[in-house]
C-alpha atoms as a PDB file:
ATOM      1  CA  UNK A   1      -0.058  -0.019  -0.094  1.00  0.00           C
ATOM      2  CA  UNK A   2       1.214   3.444  -0.953  1.00  0.00           C
ATOM      3  CA  UNK A   3       0.913   6.901   0.849  1.00  0.00           C
ATOM      4  CA  UNK A   4      -2.211   8.460   0.020  1.00  0.00           C
ATOM      5  CA  UNK A   5      -1.528  11.416   2.211  1.00  0.00           C
ATOM      6  CA  UNK A   6      -4.351  10.799   4.628  1.00  0.00           C
ATOM      7  CA  UNK A   7      -6.898  11.198   1.862  1.00  0.00           C
ATOM      8  CA  UNK A   8      -9.790   8.986   2.790  1.00  0.00           C
ATOM      9  CA  UNK A   9     -11.214   8.904  -1.025  1.00  0.00           C
ATOM     10  CA  UNK A  10      -7.410   8.113  -2.297  1.00  0.00           C
ATOM     11  CA  UNK A  11      -7.079   5.300   0.349  1.00  0.00           C
ATOM     12  CA  UNK A  12     -10.608   4.065  -0.552  1.00  0.00           C
ATOM     13  CA  UNK A  13      -9.658   3.747  -4.277  1.00  0.00           C
ATOM     14  CA  UNK A  14      -6.247   2.179  -3.683  1.00  0.00           C
ATOM     15  CA  UNK A  15      -7.308  -0.364  -1.096  1.00  0.00           C
ATOM     16  CA  UNK A  16     -10.336  -1.379  -3.564  1.00  0.00           C
ATOM     17  CA  UNK A  17      -8.206  -1.678  -6.240  1.00  0.00           C
ATOM     18  CA  UNK A  18      -5.431  -3.623  -4.367  1.00  0.00           C
ATOM     19  CA  UNK A  19      -8.195  -5.952  -2.925  1.00  0.00           C
ATOM     20  CA  UNK A  20      -9.951  -6.859  -6.188  1.00  0.00           C
ATOM     21  CA  UNK A  21      -6.919  -6.546  -8.827  1.00  0.00           C
ATOM     22  CA  UNK A  22      -4.521  -8.384  -6.640  1.00  0.00           C
ATOM     23  CA  UNK A  23      -5.920 -10.248  -3.549  1.00  0.00           C
ATOM     24  CA  UNK A  24      -8.985 -11.391  -5.249  1.00  0.00           C
ATOM     25  CA  UNK A  25      -7.123 -12.284  -8.486  1.00  0.00           C
ATOM     26  CA  UNK A  26      -4.199 -14.063  -7.679  1.00  0.00           C
ATOM     27  CA  UNK A  27      -3.341 -17.235  -5.376  1.00  0.00           C
ATOM     28  CA  UNK A  28      -1.658 -16.649  -1.721  1.00  0.00           C
ATOM     29  CA  UNK A  29       1.292 -18.471  -3.255  1.00  0.00           C
ATOM     30  CA  UNK A  30       2.002 -15.113  -5.459  1.00  0.00           C
ATOM     31  CA  UNK A  31       5.421 -13.362  -4.548  1.00  0.00           C
ATOM     32  CA  UNK A  32       5.396  -9.767  -3.979  1.00  0.00           C
ATOM     33  CA  UNK A  33       8.291  -7.753  -4.310  1.00  0.00           C
ATOM     34  CA  UNK A  34       7.549  -4.354  -2.779  1.00  0.00           C
ATOM     35  CA  UNK A  35      10.282  -2.190  -3.323  1.00  0.00           C
ATOM     36  CA  UNK A  36      11.094  -1.769   0.451  1.00  0.00           C
ATOM     37  CA  UNK A  37      11.212  -4.148   2.911  1.00  0.00           C
ATOM     38  CA  UNK A  38      11.370  -8.070   2.502  1.00  0.00           C
ATOM     39  CA  UNK A  39       9.575  -9.947  -0.139  1.00  0.00           C
ATOM     40  CA  UNK A  40       6.485 -11.738   0.661  1.00  0.00           C
ATOM     41  CA  UNK A  41       3.735 -13.529  -0.610  1.00  0.00           C
ATOM     42  CA  UNK A  42       0.012 -12.487  -0.813  1.00  0.00           C
ATOM     43  CA  UNK A  43      -0.771 -15.432   1.552  1.00  0.00           C
ATOM     44  CA  UNK A  44       1.269 -13.758   4.446  1.00  0.00           C
ATOM     45  CA  UNK A  45      -0.234 -10.478   3.579  1.00  0.00           C
ATOM     46  CA  UNK A  46      -3.791 -11.198   3.268  1.00  0.00           C
ATOM     47  CA  UNK A  47      -4.079 -11.334   7.465  1.00  0.00           C
ATOM     48  CA  UNK A  48      -3.017  -7.860   7.486  1.00  0.00           C
ATOM     49  CA  UNK A  49      -5.929  -6.471   5.241  1.00  0.00           C
ATOM     50  CA  UNK A  50      -8.043  -5.608   8.040  1.00  0.00           C
ATOM     51  CA  UNK A  51      -5.183  -3.604   9.870  1.00  0.00           C
ATOM     52  CA  UNK A  52      -4.879  -1.525   6.670  1.00  0.00           C
ATOM     53  CA  UNK A  53      -8.346  -0.909   6.633  1.00  0.00           C
ATOM     54  CA  UNK A  54      -8.296   0.486  10.103  1.00  0.00           C
ATOM     55  CA  UNK A  55      -5.275   2.160   9.908  1.00  0.00           C
ATOM     56  CA  UNK A  56      -6.391   4.180   6.918  1.00  0.00           C
ATOM     57  CA  UNK A  57      -3.254   4.363   4.783  1.00  0.00           C
END
């Protein structure tokens, strides 16, 4: 997830796209290379979706 500068509309758009175009479309075994931090899989990150929603960024 990228920085949306605390803009609720931008965050809503971004989280929607991440969920529908990535998490809903690809299997948990899919590797993610975020550009910062460690490489991971969608399965490892999926449990964090509620936290991302609550955080709002």
